Amino acid sequence: MKEKKEILKAAIETIDIEAKSINNLKNFIDNDFLKSVEIIFNSKGRVIVTGIGKSAIIANKIVATLNSTGTPSIFMHAADAIHGDLGIIQKDDIIICISNSGNTSEIKVLIPMLKSLGACLIGMVGNTDSYLAKQSNYLIRTTVEKEASPGNLAPTASTTAQLAMGDALSVALLLCRGFTIEDFAKYHPGGSLGKKLYLKASDIYVKNKVPLVNINDEVSTIIMEISSKRLGATAVEDNEKVAGIITDGDLRRMLQKTENIKNIKAESIMTKNPKSISKNTLAVEALQIMRNNNITQLLVVEDKKYLGMIHLHDLINEGII
């Protein structure tokens, strides 16, 4: 086991080397990069991203980012491609081949096959004097000065550079497509951002019981209703219209002030004009209302009709917070 100082020094040096490598990529955002963006944007096909070894792992991530930002993409492992997976490629598809050296045996076998299919080949490569670089229609450079690992062995800075350049390409395409937050949510319906943009009160309150008492109900009825519906509050109605809300906090405060509760009715405990939302209110908007008013429940009201209630815990469970 090395000394702690040596370990910390190695970790910091790794980050410094990789940060420098990423920063240097700005020098490679050139006309070939621009042409690559234009060709992919105008293509009627998909983007096929391929590579081998660590570059294949990076290729998978780039595919995921492209797909999530509106550019249909597929990963094709370079080794599998020469054993049948070339059938993935369709007319009008664009190929991005990722390799730091650009001279691996699998890449040298694969490229002539890609060329024979008439595919447009974009090379993402570190070695600009390599076979891949020379055979590519367009070249996106990811050259690094050195790897972060001792002896310049394990791919570290080079794969980090590939990853960053893939993100740069994805964001450039996102810009060209006018891709919005709403578009992103469509591709991420299960994510927290997606939920913030589509989840409505109507998706939440229907899962809850509907706590409700009449304006003339006594304390015992109110307590039973709040306890049984498990939302920490109940709506109060008068002639089928919402008159107020009673929370468990309102009950505690009432009990602190009053010893004889026998004749106390809901009307004297409730908070009038309670905060309410429509069923079409976004959950994230409901959360903001709760925060602004320091409350944990909201009534859902539509056309003056009480539909139900949502609780802060509902929003937490949905991942909105």
C-alpha atoms as a PDB file:
ATOM      1  CA  MET A   1       0.000   0.000   0.000  1.00  0.00           C
ATOM      2  CA  LYS A   2       1.367   3.386  -1.044  1.00  0.00           C
ATOM      3  CA  GLU A   3       1.592   6.374   1.269  1.00  0.00           C
ATOM      4  CA  LYS A   4      -1.534   8.534   1.510  1.00  0.00           C
ATOM      5  CA  LYS A   5       0.295  11.523   0.018  1.00  0.00           C
ATOM      6  CA  GLU A   6       1.255   9.508  -3.065  1.00  0.00           C
ATOM      7  CA  ILE A   7      -2.302   8.267  -3.525  1.00  0.00           C
ATOM      8  CA  LEU A   8      -3.771  11.757  -3.270  1.00  0.00           C
ATOM      9  CA  LYS A   9      -1.120  13.142  -5.606  1.00  0.00           C
ATOM     10  CA  ALA A  10      -1.885  10.478  -8.231  1.00  0.00           C
ATOM     11  CA  ALA A  11      -5.613  11.183  -8.033  1.00  0.00           C
ATOM     12  CA  ILE A  12      -5.138  14.952  -8.418  1.00  0.00           C
ATOM     13  CA  GLU A  13      -2.708  14.483 -11.312  1.00  0.00           C
ATOM     14  CA  THR A  14      -5.237  12.249 -13.069  1.00  0.00           C
ATOM     15  CA  ILE A  15      -7.902  14.922 -12.845  1.00  0.00           C
ATOM     16  CA  ASP A  16      -5.458  17.617 -13.982  1.00  0.00           C
ATOM     17  CA  ILE A  17      -4.343  15.578 -17.012  1.00  0.00           C
ATOM     18  CA  GLU A  18      -7.892  14.776 -18.039  1.00  0.00           C
ATOM     19  CA  ALA A  19      -9.057  18.358 -17.496  1.00  0.00           C
ATOM     20  CA  LYS A  20      -6.232  19.604 -19.716  1.00  0.00           C
ATOM     21  CA  SER A  21      -7.141  17.025 -22.362  1.00  0.00           C
ATOM     22  CA  ILE A  22     -10.763  18.117 -22.399  1.00  0.00           C
ATOM     23  CA  ASN A  23      -9.867  21.793 -22.526  1.00  0.00           C
ATOM     24  CA  ASN A  24      -7.586  21.132 -25.498  1.00  0.00           C
ATOM     25  CA  LEU A  25     -10.531  19.697 -27.457  1.00  0.00           C
ATOM     26  CA  LYS A  26     -11.641  23.258 -28.187  1.00  0.00           C
ATOM     27  CA  ASN A  27      -8.837  23.397 -30.747  1.00  0.00           C
ATOM     28  CA  PHE A  28     -10.435  20.496 -32.641  1.00  0.00           C
ATOM     29  CA  ILE A  29     -13.893  22.027 -33.080  1.00  0.00           C
ATOM     30  CA  ASP A  30     -13.258  22.717 -36.746  1.00  0.00           C
ATOM     31  CA  ASN A  31     -14.880  22.512 -40.149  1.00  0.00           C
ATOM     32  CA  ASP A  32     -14.959  18.702 -40.084  1.00  0.00           C
ATOM     33  CA  PHE A  33     -16.827  18.844 -36.795  1.00  0.00           C
ATOM     34  CA  LEU A  34     -19.298  21.315 -38.289  1.00  0.00           C
ATOM     35  CA  LYS A  35     -19.754  19.173 -41.416  1.00  0.00           C
ATOM     36  CA  SER A  36     -20.363  16.108 -39.230  1.00  0.00           C
ATOM     37  CA  VAL A  37     -23.115  17.944 -37.378  1.00  0.00           C
ATOM     38  CA  GLU A  38     -24.696  19.100 -40.648  1.00  0.00           C
ATOM     39  CA  ILE A  39     -24.609  15.644 -42.233  1.00  0.00           C
ATOM     40  CA  ILE A  40     -26.115  13.935 -39.185  1.00  0.00           C
ATOM     41  CA  PHE A  41     -28.771  16.632 -38.813  1.00  0.00           C
ATOM     42  CA  ASN A  42     -29.807  16.403 -42.474  1.00  0.00           C
ATOM     43  CA  SER A  43     -29.646  12.614 -42.644  1.00  0.00           C
ATOM     44  CA  LYS A  44     -32.819  10.585 -43.085  1.00  0.00           C
ATOM     45  CA  GLY A  45     -31.119   7.635 -41.418  1.00  0.00           C
ATOM     46  CA  ARG A  46     -29.687   6.864 -38.011  1.00  0.00           C
ATOM     47  CA  VAL A  47     -26.296   7.299 -36.429  1.00  0.00           C
ATOM     48  CA  ILE A  48     -24.420   4.021 -35.980  1.00  0.00           C
ATOM     49  CA  VAL A  49     -21.646   4.421 -33.406  1.00  0.00           C
ATOM     50  CA  THR A  50     -18.980   1.730 -33.282  1.00  0.00           C
ATOM     51  CA  GLY A  51     -15.728   1.016 -31.502  1.00  0.00           C
ATOM     52  CA  ILE A  52     -13.822  -1.675 -29.649  1.00  0.00           C
ATOM     53  CA  GLY A  53     -12.481  -2.022 -26.113  1.00  0.00           C
ATOM     54  CA  LYS A  54     -12.852   1.069 -23.940  1.00  0.00           C
ATOM     55  CA  SER A  55     -13.896   3.078 -26.989  1.00  0.00           C
ATOM     56  CA  ALA A  56     -16.877   0.749 -27.366  1.00  0.00           C
ATOM     57  CA  ILE A  57     -17.997   1.644 -23.853  1.00  0.00           C
ATOM     58  CA  ILE A  58     -17.761   5.330 -24.717  1.00  0.00           C
ATOM     59  CA  ALA A  59     -19.663   4.645 -27.948  1.00  0.00           C
ATOM     60  CA  ASN A  60     -22.514   3.160 -25.917  1.00  0.00           C
ATOM     61  CA  LYS A  61     -22.732   6.294 -23.809  1.00  0.00           C
ATOM     62  CA  ILE A  62     -22.695   8.568 -26.858  1.00  0.00           C
ATOM     63  CA  VAL A  63     -25.532   6.539 -28.382  1.00  0.00           C
ATOM     64  CA  ALA A  64     -27.543   6.948 -25.177  1.00  0.00           C
ATOM     65  CA  THR A  65     -26.991  10.717 -25.182  1.00  0.00           C
ATOM     66  CA  LEU A  66     -27.862  11.082 -28.867  1.00  0.00           C
ATOM     67  CA  ASN A  67     -31.061   9.070 -28.461  1.00  0.00           C
ATOM     68  CA  SER A  68     -32.140  11.057 -25.414  1.00  0.00           C
ATOM     69  CA  THR A  69     -31.678  14.341 -27.271  1.00  0.00           C
ATOM     70  CA  GLY A  70     -33.547  13.490 -30.450  1.00  0.00           C
ATOM     71  CA  THR A  71     -30.930  11.874 -32.724  1.00  0.00           C
ATOM     72  CA  PRO A  72     -31.847   8.199 -33.406  1.00  0.00           C
ATOM     73  CA  SER A  73     -28.710   6.128 -32.805  1.00  0.00           C
ATOM     74  CA  ILE A  74     -27.573   2.521 -32.473  1.00  0.00           C
ATOM     75  CA  PHE A  75     -24.422   0.995 -31.015  1.00  0.00           C
ATOM     76  CA  MET A  76     -22.570  -1.592 -33.088  1.00  0.00           C
ATOM     77  CA  HIS A  77     -19.541  -3.338 -31.590  1.00  0.00           C
ATOM     78  CA  ALA A  78     -16.676  -3.337 -34.087  1.00  0.00           C
ATOM     79  CA  ALA A  79     -15.798  -6.985 -33.393  1.00  0.00           C
ATOM     80  CA  ASP A  80     -19.413  -8.130 -33.780  1.00  0.00           C
ATOM     81  CA  ALA A  81     -19.825  -6.051 -36.934  1.00  0.00           C
ATOM     82  CA  ILE A  82     -17.380  -8.188 -38.881  1.00  0.00           C
ATOM     83  CA  HIS A  83     -19.241 -11.306 -37.735  1.00  0.00           C
ATOM     84  CA  GLY A  84     -22.709 -10.419 -38.937  1.00  0.00           C
ATOM     85  CA  ASP A  85     -23.834  -7.227 -37.225  1.00  0.00           C
ATOM     86  CA  LEU A  86     -23.204  -5.157 -40.346  1.00  0.00           C
ATOM     87  CA  GLY A  87     -26.820  -6.012 -41.140  1.00  0.00           C
ATOM     88  CA  ILE A  88     -27.760  -3.275 -38.672  1.00  0.00           C
ATOM     89  CA  ILE A  89     -26.690  -0.633 -41.168  1.00  0.00           C
ATOM     90  CA  GLN A  90     -29.407   0.725 -43.425  1.00  0.00           C
ATOM     91  CA  LYS A  91     -29.467   3.124 -46.307  1.00  0.00           C
ATOM     92  CA  ASP A  92     -28.766   6.738 -45.261  1.00  0.00           C
ATOM     93  CA  ASP A  93     -27.219   5.737 -41.921  1.00  0.00           C
ATOM     94  CA  ILE A  94     -24.171   7.673 -40.744  1.00  0.00           C
ATOM     95  CA  ILE A  95     -21.282   5.785 -39.124  1.00  0.00           C
ATOM     96  CA  ILE A  96     -19.186   7.192 -36.290  1.00  0.00           C
ATOM     97  CA  CYS A  97     -16.154   5.014 -35.622  1.00  0.00           C
ATOM     98  CA  ILE A  98     -14.326   5.693 -32.348  1.00  0.00           C
ATOM     99  CA  SER A  99     -10.718   4.685 -31.773  1.00  0.00           C
ATOM    100  CA  ASN A 100      -7.814   6.429 -30.096  1.00  0.00           C
ATOM    101  CA  SER A 101      -5.092   4.712 -32.127  1.00  0.00           C
ATOM    102  CA  GLY A 102      -7.194   4.273 -35.276  1.00  0.00           C
ATOM    103  CA  ASN A 103      -5.079   1.230 -36.154  1.00  0.00           C
ATOM    104  CA  THR A 104      -6.591  -1.716 -34.278  1.00  0.00           C
ATOM    105  CA  SER A 105      -6.987  -4.868 -36.349  1.00  0.00           C
ATOM    106  CA  GLU A 106     -10.781  -4.946 -35.982  1.00  0.00           C
ATOM    107  CA  ILE A 107     -11.046  -1.363 -37.207  1.00  0.00           C
ATOM    108  CA  LYS A 108      -8.830  -2.116 -40.228  1.00  0.00           C
ATOM    109  CA  VAL A 109     -11.062  -5.036 -41.162  1.00  0.00           C
ATOM    110  CA  LEU A 110     -14.292  -3.153 -40.535  1.00  0.00           C
ATOM    111  CA  ILE A 111     -13.636   0.068 -42.448  1.00  0.00           C
ATOM    112  CA  PRO A 112     -13.402  -1.441 -45.973  1.00  0.00           C
ATOM    113  CA  MET A 113     -16.713  -3.190 -45.331  1.00  0.00           C
ATOM    114  CA  LEU A 114     -18.309   0.079 -44.266  1.00  0.00           C
ATOM    115  CA  LYS A 115     -16.921   1.818 -47.316  1.00  0.00           C
ATOM    116  CA  SER A 116     -18.297  -0.911 -49.561  1.00  0.00           C
ATOM    117  CA  LEU A 117     -21.762  -0.202 -48.214  1.00  0.00           C
ATOM    118  CA  GLY A 118     -21.402   3.417 -49.274  1.00  0.00           C
ATOM    119  CA  ALA A 119     -21.785   4.660 -45.715  1.00  0.00           C
ATOM    120  CA  CYS A 120     -20.579   8.098 -44.711  1.00  0.00           C
ATOM    121  CA  LEU A 121     -17.819   7.493 -42.180  1.00  0.00           C
ATOM    122  CA  ILE A 122     -16.996   9.938 -39.393  1.00  0.00           C
ATOM    123  CA  GLY A 123     -13.846   9.021 -37.541  1.00  0.00           C
ATOM    124  CA  MET A 124     -13.462  10.076 -33.902  1.00  0.00           C
ATOM    125  CA  VAL A 125      -9.773   9.401 -33.464  1.00  0.00           C
ATOM    126  CA  GLY A 126      -6.735  10.501 -31.504  1.00  0.00           C
ATOM    127  CA  ASN A 127      -4.034   9.497 -34.000  1.00  0.00           C
ATOM    128  CA  THR A 128      -4.514  11.670 -37.074  1.00  0.00           C
ATOM    129  CA  ASP A 129      -1.947   9.638 -39.018  1.00  0.00           C
ATOM    130  CA  SER A 130      -3.874   6.402 -38.521  1.00  0.00           C
ATOM    131  CA  TYR A 131      -5.753   4.150 -40.924  1.00  0.00           C
ATOM    132  CA  LEU A 132      -9.111   5.295 -39.551  1.00  0.00           C
ATOM    133  CA  ALA A 133      -8.201   8.958 -39.857  1.00  0.00           C
ATOM    134  CA  LYS A 134      -7.143   8.575 -43.480  1.00  0.00           C
ATOM    135  CA  GLN A 135     -10.196   6.529 -44.475  1.00  0.00           C
ATOM    136  CA  SER A 136     -12.805   8.724 -42.811  1.00  0.00           C
ATOM    137  CA  ASN A 137     -14.965  11.120 -44.784  1.00  0.00           C
ATOM    138  CA  TYR A 138     -14.835  13.504 -41.841  1.00  0.00           C
ATOM    139  CA  LEU A 139     -12.456  13.558 -38.917  1.00  0.00           C
ATOM    140  CA  ILE A 140     -13.292  14.563 -35.345  1.00  0.00           C
ATOM    141  CA  ARG A 141     -10.025  14.764 -33.425  1.00  0.00           C
ATOM    142  CA  THR A 142      -9.751  13.612 -29.805  1.00  0.00           C
ATOM    143  CA  THR A 143      -5.957  13.753 -29.537  1.00  0.00           C
ATOM    144  CA  VAL A 144      -4.519  13.805 -26.017  1.00  0.00           C
ATOM    145  CA  GLU A 145      -0.967  14.553 -24.919  1.00  0.00           C
ATOM    146  CA  LYS A 146      -0.810  11.497 -22.657  1.00  0.00           C
ATOM    147  CA  GLU A 147      -2.921   9.098 -20.645  1.00  0.00           C
ATOM    148  CA  ALA A 148      -3.339   9.732 -16.949  1.00  0.00           C
ATOM    149  CA  SER A 149      -2.210   6.232 -16.004  1.00  0.00           C
ATOM    150  CA  PRO A 150       1.443   5.507 -15.157  1.00  0.00           C
ATOM    151  CA  GLY A 151       3.392   4.363 -18.196  1.00  0.00           C
ATOM    152  CA  ASN A 152       0.740   5.783 -20.517  1.00  0.00           C
ATOM    153  CA  LEU A 153      -0.980   2.398 -20.500  1.00  0.00           C
ATOM    154  CA  ALA A 154      -4.677   2.347 -19.557  1.00  0.00           C
ATOM    155  CA  PRO A 155      -7.067   4.484 -21.652  1.00  0.00           C
ATOM    156  CA  THR A 156      -8.009   7.353 -19.339  1.00  0.00           C
ATOM    157  CA  ALA A 157      -7.513  10.810 -20.805  1.00  0.00           C
ATOM    158  CA  SER A 158      -8.249   9.483 -24.301  1.00  0.00           C
ATOM    159  CA  THR A 159     -11.611   7.979 -23.351  1.00  0.00           C
ATOM    160  CA  THR A 160     -12.486  11.075 -21.347  1.00  0.00           C
ATOM    161  CA  ALA A 161     -11.781  13.165 -24.442  1.00  0.00           C
ATOM    162  CA  GLN A 162     -13.988  10.871 -26.545  1.00  0.00           C
ATOM    163  CA  LEU A 163     -16.785  11.185 -24.034  1.00  0.00           C
ATOM    164  CA  ALA A 164     -16.570  14.986 -23.953  1.00  0.00           C
ATOM    165  CA  MET A 165     -16.442  15.241 -27.745  1.00  0.00           C
ATOM    166  CA  GLY A 166     -19.483  12.980 -27.984  1.00  0.00           C
ATOM    167  CA  ASP A 167     -21.328  15.322 -25.649  1.00  0.00           C
ATOM    168  CA  ALA A 168     -20.232  18.316 -27.740  1.00  0.00           C
ATOM    169  CA  LEU A 169     -21.600  16.617 -30.856  1.00  0.00           C
ATOM    170  CA  SER A 170     -24.870  15.724 -29.118  1.00  0.00           C
ATOM    171  CA  VAL A 171     -25.429  19.232 -27.781  1.00  0.00           C
ATOM    172  CA  ALA A 172     -24.647  20.774 -31.179  1.00  0.00           C
ATOM    173  CA  LEU A 173     -27.281  18.504 -32.757  1.00  0.00           C
ATOM    174  CA  LEU A 174     -29.699  19.303 -29.945  1.00  0.00           C
ATOM    175  CA  LEU A 175     -29.282  22.987 -30.783  1.00  0.00           C
ATOM    176  CA  CYS A 176     -29.875  22.371 -34.482  1.00  0.00           C
ATOM    177  CA  ARG A 177     -33.080  20.463 -33.745  1.00  0.00           C
ATOM    178  CA  GLY A 178     -34.412  23.175 -31.462  1.00  0.00           C
ATOM    179  CA  PHE A 179     -34.762  20.474 -28.835  1.00  0.00           C
ATOM    180  CA  THR A 180     -36.669  21.788 -25.808  1.00  0.00           C
ATOM    181  CA  ILE A 181     -37.060  20.766 -22.176  1.00  0.00           C
ATOM    182  CA  GLU A 182     -40.521  19.457 -23.103  1.00  0.00           C
ATOM    183  CA  ASP A 183     -38.968  17.292 -25.850  1.00  0.00           C
ATOM    184  CA  PHE A 184     -36.447  15.955 -23.361  1.00  0.00           C
ATOM    185  CA  ALA A 185     -39.249  15.040 -20.970  1.00  0.00           C
ATOM    186  CA  LYS A 186     -40.955  12.979 -23.693  1.00  0.00           C
ATOM    187  CA  TYR A 187     -37.866  10.773 -23.906  1.00  0.00           C
ATOM    188  CA  HIS A 188     -37.521  10.617 -20.098  1.00  0.00           C
ATOM    189  CA  PRO A 189     -41.045  10.009 -18.779  1.00  0.00           C
ATOM    190  CA  GLY A 190     -39.694   8.017 -15.849  1.00  0.00           C
ATOM    191  CA  GLY A 191     -37.130  10.576 -14.798  1.00  0.00           C
ATOM    192  CA  SER A 192     -37.624  13.385 -12.310  1.00  0.00           C
ATOM    193  CA  LEU A 193     -37.457  16.037 -15.045  1.00  0.00           C
ATOM    194  CA  GLY A 194     -40.070  14.212 -17.090  1.00  0.00           C
ATOM    195  CA  LYS A 195     -42.398  14.015 -14.131  1.00  0.00           C
ATOM    196  CA  LYS A 196     -41.972  17.698 -13.410  1.00  0.00           C
ATOM    197  CA  LEU A 197     -43.152  18.470 -16.930  1.00  0.00           C
ATOM    198  CA  TYR A 198     -46.087  16.105 -17.297  1.00  0.00           C
ATOM    199  CA  LEU A 199     -47.277  14.867 -13.879  1.00  0.00           C
ATOM    200  CA  LYS A 200     -50.499  16.624 -12.885  1.00  0.00           C
ATOM    201  CA  ALA A 201     -52.627  16.797  -9.772  1.00  0.00           C
ATOM    202  CA  SER A 202     -55.099  14.464 -11.479  1.00  0.00           C
ATOM    203  CA  ASP A 203     -52.419  11.770 -11.569  1.00  0.00           C
ATOM    204  CA  ILE A 204     -51.942  12.027  -7.809  1.00  0.00           C
ATOM    205  CA  TYR A 205     -55.136  12.831  -5.931  1.00  0.00           C
ATOM    206  CA  VAL A 206     -56.997   9.844  -7.399  1.00  0.00           C
ATOM    207  CA  LYS A 207     -54.641   7.541  -5.480  1.00  0.00           C
ATOM    208  CA  ASN A 208     -55.707   9.060  -2.165  1.00  0.00           C
ATOM    209  CA  LYS A 209     -58.840   8.715  -0.104  1.00  0.00           C
ATOM    210  CA  VAL A 210     -61.045  11.814  -0.010  1.00  0.00           C
ATOM    211  CA  PRO A 211     -61.225  13.343   3.498  1.00  0.00           C
ATOM    212  CA  LEU A 212     -64.386  15.366   3.947  1.00  0.00           C
ATOM    213  CA  VAL A 213     -66.564  16.640   6.797  1.00  0.00           C
ATOM    214  CA  ASN A 214     -69.552  18.932   7.017  1.00  0.00           C
ATOM    215  CA  ILE A 215     -69.371  22.405   8.503  1.00  0.00           C
ATOM    216  CA  ASN A 216     -71.532  21.281  11.444  1.00  0.00           C
ATOM    217  CA  ASP A 217     -69.633  18.057  12.245  1.00  0.00           C
ATOM    218  CA  GLU A 218     -68.228  17.650  15.736  1.00  0.00           C
ATOM    219  CA  VAL A 219     -64.597  17.174  16.759  1.00  0.00           C
ATOM    220  CA  SER A 220     -64.899  13.391  17.136  1.00  0.00           C
ATOM    221  CA  THR A 221     -66.066  13.084  13.527  1.00  0.00           C
ATOM    222  CA  ILE A 222     -63.268  15.348  12.346  1.00  0.00           C
ATOM    223  CA  ILE A 223     -60.619  13.334  14.190  1.00  0.00           C
ATOM    224  CA  MET A 224     -61.935  10.047  12.766  1.00  0.00           C
ATOM    225  CA  GLU A 225     -61.981  11.459   9.237  1.00  0.00           C
ATOM    226  CA  ILE A 226     -58.437  12.818   9.388  1.00  0.00           C
ATOM    227  CA  SER A 227     -57.119   9.615  10.980  1.00  0.00           C
ATOM    228  CA  SER A 228     -58.842   7.237   8.571  1.00  0.00           C
ATOM    229  CA  LYS A 229     -57.913   9.099   5.367  1.00  0.00           C
ATOM    230  CA  ARG A 230     -54.251   9.484   6.425  1.00  0.00           C
ATOM    231  CA  LEU A 231     -53.580  12.843   4.765  1.00  0.00           C
ATOM    232  CA  GLY A 232     -53.254  14.908   7.911  1.00  0.00           C
ATOM    233  CA  ALA A 233     -56.233  17.079   7.020  1.00  0.00           C
ATOM    234  CA  THR A 234     -59.808  17.136   5.831  1.00  0.00           C
ATOM    235  CA  ALA A 235     -61.815  19.444   3.639  1.00  0.00           C
ATOM    236  CA  VAL A 236     -64.906  21.094   5.108  1.00  0.00           C
ATOM    237  CA  GLU A 237     -68.017  21.550   3.000  1.00  0.00           C
ATOM    238  CA  ASP A 238     -71.121  23.685   3.379  1.00  0.00           C
ATOM    239  CA  ASN A 239     -73.977  22.938   0.988  1.00  0.00           C
ATOM    240  CA  GLU A 240     -71.611  20.854  -1.199  1.00  0.00           C
ATOM    241  CA  LYS A 241     -69.177  23.741  -1.572  1.00  0.00           C
ATOM    242  CA  VAL A 242     -65.704  23.946  -0.058  1.00  0.00           C
ATOM    243  CA  ALA A 243     -65.838  26.119   3.033  1.00  0.00           C
ATOM    244  CA  GLY A 244     -62.462  25.408   4.565  1.00  0.00           C
ATOM    245  CA  ILE A 245     -59.806  22.932   5.638  1.00  0.00           C
ATOM    246  CA  ILE A 246     -58.891  21.443   9.002  1.00  0.00           C
ATOM    247  CA  THR A 247     -55.417  20.037   9.566  1.00  0.00           C
ATOM    248  CA  ASP A 248     -54.136  17.941  12.430  1.00  0.00           C
ATOM    249  CA  GLY A 249     -52.234  21.062  13.459  1.00  0.00           C
ATOM    250  CA  ASP A 250     -55.525  22.970  13.713  1.00  0.00           C
ATOM    251  CA  LEU A 251     -56.845  20.251  16.010  1.00  0.00           C
ATOM    252  CA  ARG A 252     -53.806  20.375  18.274  1.00  0.00           C
ATOM    253  CA  ARG A 253     -54.015  24.140  18.594  1.00  0.00           C
ATOM    254  CA  MET A 254     -57.721  23.915  19.370  1.00  0.00           C
ATOM    255  CA  LEU A 255     -57.120  21.302  22.094  1.00  0.00           C
ATOM    256  CA  GLN A 256     -54.451  23.504  23.675  1.00  0.00           C
ATOM    257  CA  LYS A 257     -56.918  26.380  23.978  1.00  0.00           C
ATOM    258  CA  THR A 258     -60.124  24.512  24.858  1.00  0.00           C
ATOM    259  CA  GLU A 259     -60.893  21.931  27.500  1.00  0.00           C
ATOM    260  CA  ASN A 260     -64.554  21.381  26.675  1.00  0.00           C
ATOM    261  CA  ILE A 261     -64.743  20.293  23.023  1.00  0.00           C
ATOM    262  CA  LYS A 262     -68.186  18.741  23.159  1.00  0.00           C
ATOM    263  CA  ASN A 263     -70.026  21.533  21.342  1.00  0.00           C
ATOM    264  CA  ILE A 264     -67.230  22.641  19.008  1.00  0.00           C
ATOM    265  CA  LYS A 265     -68.077  22.331  15.328  1.00  0.00           C
ATOM    266  CA  ALA A 266     -65.893  22.180  12.221  1.00  0.00           C
ATOM    267  CA  GLU A 267     -66.805  25.760  11.328  1.00  0.00           C
ATOM    268  CA  SER A 268     -65.002  27.158  14.389  1.00  0.00           C
ATOM    269  CA  ILE A 269     -61.806  25.161  13.760  1.00  0.00           C
ATOM    270  CA  MET A 270     -61.374  25.336  10.011  1.00  0.00           C
ATOM    271  CA  THR A 271     -59.219  27.688   8.000  1.00  0.00           C
ATOM    272  CA  LYS A 272     -61.436  29.522   5.532  1.00  0.00           C
ATOM    273  CA  ASN A 273     -60.559  30.008   1.864  1.00  0.00           C
ATOM    274  CA  PRO A 274     -58.033  27.140   1.755  1.00  0.00           C
ATOM    275  CA  LYS A 275     -55.414  26.953  -0.963  1.00  0.00           C
ATOM    276  CA  SER A 276     -56.618  24.846  -3.851  1.00  0.00           C
ATOM    277  CA  ILE A 277     -55.551  23.765  -7.328  1.00  0.00           C
ATOM    278  CA  SER A 278     -57.295  22.374 -10.377  1.00  0.00           C
ATOM    279  CA  LYS A 279     -56.837  18.780 -11.476  1.00  0.00           C
ATOM    280  CA  ASN A 280     -54.734  19.983 -14.423  1.00  0.00           C
ATOM    281  CA  THR A 281     -52.208  21.799 -12.248  1.00  0.00           C
ATOM    282  CA  LEU A 282     -48.705  20.399 -12.700  1.00  0.00           C
ATOM    283  CA  ALA A 283     -47.330  18.626  -9.653  1.00  0.00           C
ATOM    284  CA  VAL A 284     -44.282  20.886  -9.674  1.00  0.00           C
ATOM    285  CA  GLU A 285     -46.578  23.927  -9.515  1.00  0.00           C
ATOM    286  CA  ALA A 286     -48.438  22.361  -6.595  1.00  0.00           C
ATOM    287  CA  LEU A 287     -45.114  21.931  -4.828  1.00  0.00           C
ATOM    288  CA  GLN A 288     -44.275  25.594  -5.336  1.00  0.00           C
ATOM    289  CA  ILE A 289     -47.634  26.649  -3.897  1.00  0.00           C
ATOM    290  CA  MET A 290     -47.006  24.482  -0.835  1.00  0.00           C
ATOM    291  CA  ARG A 291     -43.558  25.998  -0.358  1.00  0.00           C
ATOM    292  CA  ASN A 292     -44.734  29.565  -0.823  1.00  0.00           C
ATOM    293  CA  ASN A 293     -47.521  29.125   1.735  1.00  0.00           C
ATOM    294  CA  ASN A 294     -45.687  26.806   4.137  1.00  0.00           C
ATOM    295  CA  ILE A 295     -48.397  24.133   3.905  1.00  0.00           C
ATOM    296  CA  THR A 296     -48.335  20.384   3.276  1.00  0.00           C
ATOM    297  CA  GLN A 297     -51.810  19.795   1.799  1.00  0.00           C
ATOM    298  CA  LEU A 298     -53.697  21.185  -1.175  1.00  0.00           C
ATOM    299  CA  LEU A 299     -57.325  20.674  -2.090  1.00  0.00           C
ATOM    300  CA  VAL A 300     -58.095  19.724  -5.680  1.00  0.00           C
ATOM    301  CA  VAL A 301     -61.146  21.662  -6.842  1.00  0.00           C
ATOM    302  CA  GLU A 302     -62.713  21.755 -10.283  1.00  0.00           C
ATOM    303  CA  ASP A 303     -65.728  23.928 -11.156  1.00  0.00           C
ATOM    304  CA  LYS A 304     -66.171  24.606  -7.422  1.00  0.00           C
ATOM    305  CA  LYS A 305     -66.468  20.856  -6.785  1.00  0.00           C
ATOM    306  CA  TYR A 306     -64.112  19.249  -4.285  1.00  0.00           C
ATOM    307  CA  LEU A 307     -62.369  16.259  -5.900  1.00  0.00           C
ATOM    308  CA  GLY A 308     -59.699  15.275  -3.412  1.00  0.00           C
ATOM    309  CA  MET A 309     -56.447  16.219  -1.746  1.00  0.00           C
ATOM    310  CA  ILE A 310     -52.720  15.906  -2.382  1.00  0.00           C
ATOM    311  CA  HIS A 311     -50.061  15.851   0.305  1.00  0.00           C
ATOM    312  CA  LEU A 312     -46.434  16.916   0.241  1.00  0.00           C
ATOM    313  CA  HIS A 313     -45.491  13.270   0.782  1.00  0.00           C
ATOM    314  CA  ASP A 314     -47.234  12.392  -2.498  1.00  0.00           C
ATOM    315  CA  LEU A 315     -44.854  14.701  -4.344  1.00  0.00           C
ATOM    316  CA  ILE A 316     -41.862  13.274  -2.505  1.00  0.00           C
ATOM    317  CA  ASN A 317     -42.929   9.738  -3.427  1.00  0.00           C
ATOM    318  CA  GLU A 318     -43.254  10.745  -7.068  1.00  0.00           C
ATOM    319  CA  GLY A 319     -39.699  12.091  -7.058  1.00  0.00           C
ATOM    320  CA  ILE A 320     -40.754  15.684  -7.718  1.00  0.00           C
ATOM    321  CA  ILE A 321     -38.627  16.956  -4.849  1.00  0.00           C
END
